[in-house]
Amino acid sequence: MNPLPLTPALLTVARRVVWFKEPADALADPVHFLAYMMTYGTVEDLRALQEIIGLEDFREVLDHAPPGIFDARSWAYWNLKCGRSPVPPLPVRRGVQIRPSRSVAEQ
């Protein structure tokens, strides 16, 4: 994905939807930023992006979506908007799997 320009409008959107990072840092990772925008963005936020981001960019975000950002509703909406039906499962975090401890009776 191409880098996003540091326009005043995009910096404003980044400040609001990726509140835990500096706006320029948020825009430096377009997939991460757009995943947050697709989940928490408003219609006004989308307007700030309409000249910069196209449907293919949104598809790329869905293809590389970081786990834990999208909620089920946003995930379903954007997949359908991008022509993906049936909607694939939400991305999940991979890592260490902890097995439940055995009860005293099982030991």
N, C-alpha and C. Protein backbone atom coordinates (compact mmCIF):
# COMPACT_ATOMS: atom_id res chain seq x y z
N MET A 1 0.85 -1.17 0.00
CA MET A 1 0.00 0.00 0.00
C MET A 1 0.89 1.24 0.00
N ASN A 2 0.48 2.24 -0.73
CA ASN A 2 1.24 3.48 -0.81
C ASN A 2 1.17 4.25 0.51
N PRO A 3 2.22 5.01 0.81
CA PRO A 3 2.17 5.84 2.02
C PRO A 3 1.05 6.87 1.92
N LEU A 4 0.53 7.26 3.05
CA LEU A 4 -0.52 8.26 3.09
C LEU A 4 0.09 9.65 3.26
N PRO A 5 -0.47 10.65 2.59
CA PRO A 5 0.07 12.00 2.73
C PRO A 5 -0.29 12.58 4.10
N LEU A 6 0.56 13.45 4.58
CA LEU A 6 0.32 14.09 5.88
C LEU A 6 -0.47 15.38 5.68
N THR A 7 -1.70 15.25 5.20
CA THR A 7 -2.55 16.42 5.00
C THR A 7 -3.20 16.79 6.33
N PRO A 8 -3.60 18.06 6.48
CA PRO A 8 -4.29 18.45 7.73
C PRO A 8 -5.53 17.60 8.00
N ALA A 9 -6.29 17.27 6.95
CA ALA A 9 -7.51 16.47 7.15
C ALA A 9 -7.17 15.07 7.66
N LEU A 10 -6.16 14.43 7.06
CA LEU A 10 -5.80 13.08 7.50
C LEU A 10 -5.17 13.08 8.89
N LEU A 11 -4.41 14.11 9.19
CA LEU A 11 -3.84 14.21 10.54
C LEU A 11 -4.94 14.35 11.59
N THR A 12 -6.00 15.07 11.24
CA THR A 12 -7.14 15.22 12.16
C THR A 12 -7.84 13.88 12.37
N VAL A 13 -8.06 13.14 11.27
CA VAL A 13 -8.68 11.82 11.37
C VAL A 13 -7.80 10.90 12.21
N ALA A 14 -6.50 10.89 11.92
CA ALA A 14 -5.58 10.02 12.66
C ALA A 14 -5.58 10.33 14.15
N ARG A 15 -5.63 11.60 14.49
CA ARG A 15 -5.64 12.00 15.91
C ARG A 15 -6.88 11.43 16.62
N ARG A 16 -7.98 11.35 15.91
CA ARG A 16 -9.22 10.89 16.53
C ARG A 16 -9.34 9.37 16.57
N VAL A 17 -9.02 8.69 15.46
CA VAL A 17 -9.27 7.24 15.42
C VAL A 17 -8.12 6.39 15.97
N VAL A 18 -6.91 6.92 15.95
CA VAL A 18 -5.77 6.21 16.54
C VAL A 18 -5.24 7.12 17.65
N TRP A 19 -6.04 7.26 18.68
CA TRP A 19 -5.84 8.25 19.74
C TRP A 19 -4.58 7.99 20.58
N PHE A 20 -4.04 6.78 20.51
CA PHE A 20 -2.91 6.42 21.35
C PHE A 20 -1.56 6.62 20.67
N LYS A 21 -1.56 7.17 19.45
CA LYS A 21 -0.31 7.46 18.73
C LYS A 21 -0.33 8.90 18.25
N GLU A 22 0.84 9.42 17.98
CA GLU A 22 0.92 10.72 17.32
C GLU A 22 0.36 10.54 15.91
N PRO A 23 -0.39 11.52 15.39
CA PRO A 23 -1.02 11.37 14.07
C PRO A 23 -0.05 10.99 12.95
N ALA A 24 1.11 11.60 12.89
CA ALA A 24 2.08 11.27 11.84
C ALA A 24 2.54 9.81 11.96
N ASP A 25 2.71 9.33 13.19
CA ASP A 25 3.09 7.93 13.40
C ASP A 25 1.97 6.98 12.97
N ALA A 26 0.74 7.35 13.25
CA ALA A 26 -0.40 6.53 12.85
C ALA A 26 -0.47 6.43 11.32
N LEU A 27 -0.27 7.54 10.63
CA LEU A 27 -0.33 7.53 9.17
C LEU A 27 0.85 6.82 8.53
N ALA A 28 1.94 6.64 9.27
CA ALA A 28 3.11 5.95 8.73
C ALA A 28 2.84 4.46 8.48
N ASP A 29 1.83 3.90 9.12
CA ASP A 29 1.45 2.50 8.91
C ASP A 29 0.03 2.49 8.33
N PRO A 30 -0.10 2.60 7.00
CA PRO A 30 -1.42 2.77 6.39
C PRO A 30 -2.41 1.65 6.71
N VAL A 31 -1.97 0.39 6.73
CA VAL A 31 -2.90 -0.71 7.00
C VAL A 31 -3.46 -0.59 8.42
N HIS A 32 -2.60 -0.35 9.38
CA HIS A 32 -3.04 -0.21 10.77
C HIS A 32 -3.98 0.99 10.91
N PHE A 33 -3.59 2.14 10.35
CA PHE A 33 -4.41 3.33 10.42
C PHE A 33 -5.78 3.09 9.79
N LEU A 34 -5.78 2.52 8.57
CA LEU A 34 -7.07 2.32 7.89
C LEU A 34 -7.94 1.29 8.59
N ALA A 35 -7.34 0.29 9.22
CA ALA A 35 -8.15 -0.67 9.98
C ALA A 35 -8.88 0.05 11.11
N TYR A 36 -8.18 0.94 11.81
CA TYR A 36 -8.84 1.73 12.86
C TYR A 36 -9.89 2.66 12.27
N MET A 37 -9.57 3.28 11.14
CA MET A 37 -10.53 4.20 10.52
C MET A 37 -11.78 3.43 10.06
N MET A 38 -11.59 2.23 9.53
CA MET A 38 -12.72 1.43 9.06
C MET A 38 -13.59 0.96 10.23
N THR A 39 -13.03 0.91 11.42
CA THR A 39 -13.78 0.48 12.60
C THR A 39 -14.39 1.66 13.34
N TYR A 40 -13.62 2.73 13.53
CA TYR A 40 -14.05 3.84 14.37
C TYR A 40 -14.34 5.12 13.60
N GLY A 41 -14.10 5.13 12.30
CA GLY A 41 -14.27 6.34 11.51
C GLY A 41 -15.72 6.74 11.30
N THR A 42 -15.91 8.00 11.01
CA THR A 42 -17.23 8.55 10.73
C THR A 42 -17.34 8.83 9.22
N VAL A 43 -18.51 9.24 8.81
CA VAL A 43 -18.72 9.62 7.41
C VAL A 43 -17.78 10.77 7.05
N GLU A 44 -17.59 11.71 7.96
CA GLU A 44 -16.67 12.83 7.70
C GLU A 44 -15.24 12.33 7.52
N ASP A 45 -14.85 11.33 8.30
CA ASP A 45 -13.52 10.75 8.16
C ASP A 45 -13.35 10.12 6.77
N LEU A 46 -14.37 9.42 6.33
CA LEU A 46 -14.33 8.82 4.98
C LEU A 46 -14.21 9.88 3.90
N ARG A 47 -14.88 11.01 4.09
CA ARG A 47 -14.77 12.10 3.11
C ARG A 47 -13.34 12.61 2.99
N ALA A 48 -12.63 12.65 4.11
CA ALA A 48 -11.23 13.11 4.10
C ALA A 48 -10.34 12.15 3.31
N LEU A 49 -10.78 10.89 3.19
CA LEU A 49 -9.99 9.88 2.49
C LEU A 49 -10.42 9.65 1.04
N GLN A 50 -11.57 10.14 0.64
CA GLN A 50 -12.14 9.74 -0.64
C GLN A 50 -11.27 10.06 -1.85
N GLU A 51 -10.46 11.08 -1.80
CA GLU A 51 -9.59 11.41 -2.93
C GLU A 51 -8.29 10.60 -2.89
N ILE A 52 -8.02 9.94 -1.77
CA ILE A 52 -6.72 9.30 -1.55
C ILE A 52 -6.83 7.77 -1.59
N ILE A 53 -7.89 7.23 -1.00
CA ILE A 53 -8.04 5.79 -0.82
C ILE A 53 -9.16 5.27 -1.71
N GLY A 54 -8.89 4.16 -2.38
CA GLY A 54 -9.91 3.52 -3.21
C GLY A 54 -10.32 2.18 -2.65
N LEU A 55 -11.27 1.54 -3.31
CA LEU A 55 -11.79 0.26 -2.86
C LEU A 55 -10.70 -0.80 -2.78
N GLU A 56 -9.74 -0.77 -3.70
CA GLU A 56 -8.63 -1.73 -3.67
C GLU A 56 -7.80 -1.58 -2.40
N ASP A 57 -7.64 -0.35 -1.94
CA ASP A 57 -6.90 -0.13 -0.68
C ASP A 57 -7.65 -0.73 0.50
N PHE A 58 -8.97 -0.55 0.52
CA PHE A 58 -9.76 -1.15 1.60
C PHE A 58 -9.68 -2.67 1.55
N ARG A 59 -9.68 -3.24 0.35
CA ARG A 59 -9.52 -4.70 0.22
C ARG A 59 -8.17 -5.15 0.77
N GLU A 60 -7.14 -4.38 0.48
CA GLU A 60 -5.81 -4.72 0.98
C GLU A 60 -5.78 -4.71 2.51
N VAL A 61 -6.45 -3.75 3.11
CA VAL A 61 -6.53 -3.70 4.57
C VAL A 61 -7.22 -4.95 5.09
N LEU A 62 -8.31 -5.35 4.45
CA LEU A 62 -9.00 -6.57 4.88
C LEU A 62 -8.12 -7.80 4.73
N ASP A 63 -7.32 -7.84 3.67
CA ASP A 63 -6.41 -8.97 3.44
C ASP A 63 -5.32 -9.05 4.50
N HIS A 64 -4.93 -7.91 5.06
CA HIS A 64 -3.83 -7.86 6.03
C HIS A 64 -4.27 -7.26 7.36
N ALA A 65 -5.53 -7.42 7.69
CA ALA A 65 -6.08 -6.79 8.90
C ALA A 65 -5.39 -7.28 10.17
N PRO A 66 -4.91 -6.35 10.97
CA PRO A 66 -4.33 -6.75 12.25
C PRO A 66 -5.43 -7.30 13.17
N PRO A 67 -5.18 -8.41 13.85
CA PRO A 67 -6.18 -8.95 14.76
C PRO A 67 -6.47 -8.00 15.90
N GLY A 68 -7.73 -8.00 16.33
CA GLY A 68 -8.11 -7.23 17.51
C GLY A 68 -8.58 -5.81 17.25
N ILE A 69 -8.56 -5.36 15.99
CA ILE A 69 -9.00 -3.99 15.71
C ILE A 69 -10.45 -3.97 15.26
N PHE A 70 -10.80 -4.77 14.29
CA PHE A 70 -12.17 -4.78 13.76
C PHE A 70 -13.13 -5.41 14.75
N ASP A 71 -14.32 -4.82 14.86
CA ASP A 71 -15.40 -5.50 15.57
C ASP A 71 -16.21 -6.25 14.50
N ALA A 72 -17.10 -7.12 14.93
CA ALA A 72 -17.83 -7.97 13.99
C ALA A 72 -18.67 -7.15 13.00
N ARG A 73 -19.29 -6.10 13.49
CA ARG A 73 -20.14 -5.28 12.62
C ARG A 73 -19.33 -4.57 11.54
N SER A 74 -18.22 -3.94 11.91
CA SER A 74 -17.37 -3.25 10.93
C SER A 74 -16.76 -4.24 9.95
N TRP A 75 -16.33 -5.37 10.44
CA TRP A 75 -15.74 -6.40 9.59
C TRP A 75 -16.75 -6.87 8.54
N ALA A 76 -17.96 -7.13 8.96
CA ALA A 76 -19.00 -7.56 8.02
C ALA A 76 -19.31 -6.46 7.01
N TYR A 77 -19.47 -5.23 7.49
CA TYR A 77 -19.79 -4.11 6.60
C TYR A 77 -18.74 -3.94 5.51
N TRP A 78 -17.46 -3.84 5.90
CA TRP A 78 -16.40 -3.57 4.93
C TRP A 78 -16.18 -4.74 3.98
N ASN A 79 -16.33 -5.96 4.46
CA ASN A 79 -16.21 -7.10 3.55
C ASN A 79 -17.33 -7.08 2.52
N LEU A 80 -18.55 -6.80 2.94
CA LEU A 80 -19.66 -6.72 1.99
C LEU A 80 -19.49 -5.55 1.04
N LYS A 81 -19.03 -4.41 1.55
CA LYS A 81 -18.79 -3.23 0.72
C LYS A 81 -17.73 -3.52 -0.34
N CYS A 82 -16.78 -4.37 -0.01
CA CYS A 82 -15.72 -4.74 -0.95
C CYS A 82 -16.08 -5.96 -1.80
N GLY A 83 -17.33 -6.39 -1.72
CA GLY A 83 -17.80 -7.48 -2.57
C GLY A 83 -17.43 -8.87 -2.11
N ARG A 84 -17.17 -9.02 -0.83
CA ARG A 84 -16.78 -10.33 -0.29
C ARG A 84 -17.95 -10.97 0.44
N SER A 85 -18.50 -11.97 -0.19
CA SER A 85 -19.60 -12.69 0.41
C SER A 85 -19.43 -14.16 0.05
N PRO A 86 -19.44 -15.05 1.01
CA PRO A 86 -19.69 -14.82 2.43
C PRO A 86 -18.50 -14.10 3.08
N VAL A 87 -18.82 -13.46 4.17
CA VAL A 87 -17.80 -12.72 4.92
C VAL A 87 -16.88 -13.72 5.62
N PRO A 88 -15.56 -13.56 5.44
CA PRO A 88 -14.64 -14.47 6.14
C PRO A 88 -14.62 -14.19 7.64
N PRO A 89 -14.08 -15.13 8.42
CA PRO A 89 -14.00 -14.91 9.86
C PRO A 89 -13.07 -13.74 10.19
N LEU A 90 -13.34 -13.10 11.32
CA LEU A 90 -12.47 -12.04 11.82
C LEU A 90 -11.05 -12.57 12.03
N PRO A 91 -10.04 -11.73 11.81
CA PRO A 91 -8.68 -12.15 12.11
C PRO A 91 -8.52 -12.42 13.61
N VAL A 92 -7.76 -13.41 13.95
CA VAL A 92 -7.55 -13.75 15.36
C VAL A 92 -6.07 -13.69 15.67
N ARG A 93 -5.78 -13.43 16.92
CA ARG A 93 -4.39 -13.41 17.38
C ARG A 93 -3.87 -14.84 17.45
N ARG A 94 -2.66 -15.01 17.03
CA ARG A 94 -1.99 -16.31 17.13
C ARG A 94 -0.92 -16.19 18.19
N GLY A 95 -0.64 -17.26 18.83
CA GLY A 95 0.41 -17.22 19.85
C GLY A 95 0.30 -18.42 20.76
N VAL A 96 0.76 -18.24 21.94
CA VAL A 96 0.76 -19.31 22.92
C VAL A 96 -0.67 -19.65 23.29
N GLN A 97 -0.97 -20.91 23.19
CA GLN A 97 -2.29 -21.39 23.59
C GLN A 97 -2.18 -22.00 24.99
N ILE A 98 -2.97 -21.52 25.89
CA ILE A 98 -2.93 -22.02 27.26
C ILE A 98 -4.08 -23.01 27.43
N ARG A 99 -3.71 -24.21 27.82
CA ARG A 99 -4.74 -25.21 28.06
C ARG A 99 -5.34 -25.00 29.43
N PRO A 100 -6.63 -25.23 29.55
CA PRO A 100 -7.23 -25.11 30.88
C PRO A 100 -6.59 -26.12 31.84
N SER A 101 -6.46 -25.71 33.07
CA SER A 101 -5.86 -26.62 34.05
C SER A 101 -6.83 -27.76 34.33
N ARG A 102 -6.23 -28.89 34.67
CA ARG A 102 -7.07 -30.06 34.98
C ARG A 102 -7.63 -29.92 36.39
N SER A 103 -8.80 -30.41 36.55
CA SER A 103 -9.40 -30.38 37.87
C SER A 103 -8.75 -31.44 38.75
N VAL A 104 -8.95 -31.34 40.03
CA VAL A 104 -8.39 -32.30 40.98
C VAL A 104 -8.91 -33.70 40.67
N ALA A 105 -10.15 -33.81 40.25
CA ALA A 105 -10.73 -35.12 39.95
C ALA A 105 -10.05 -35.78 38.76
N GLU A 106 -9.53 -34.98 37.80
CA GLU A 106 -8.89 -35.53 36.60
C GLU A 106 -7.45 -35.96 36.88
N GLN A 107 -6.85 -35.48 37.96
CA GLN A 107 -5.44 -35.77 38.22
C GLN A 107 -5.23 -37.13 38.76
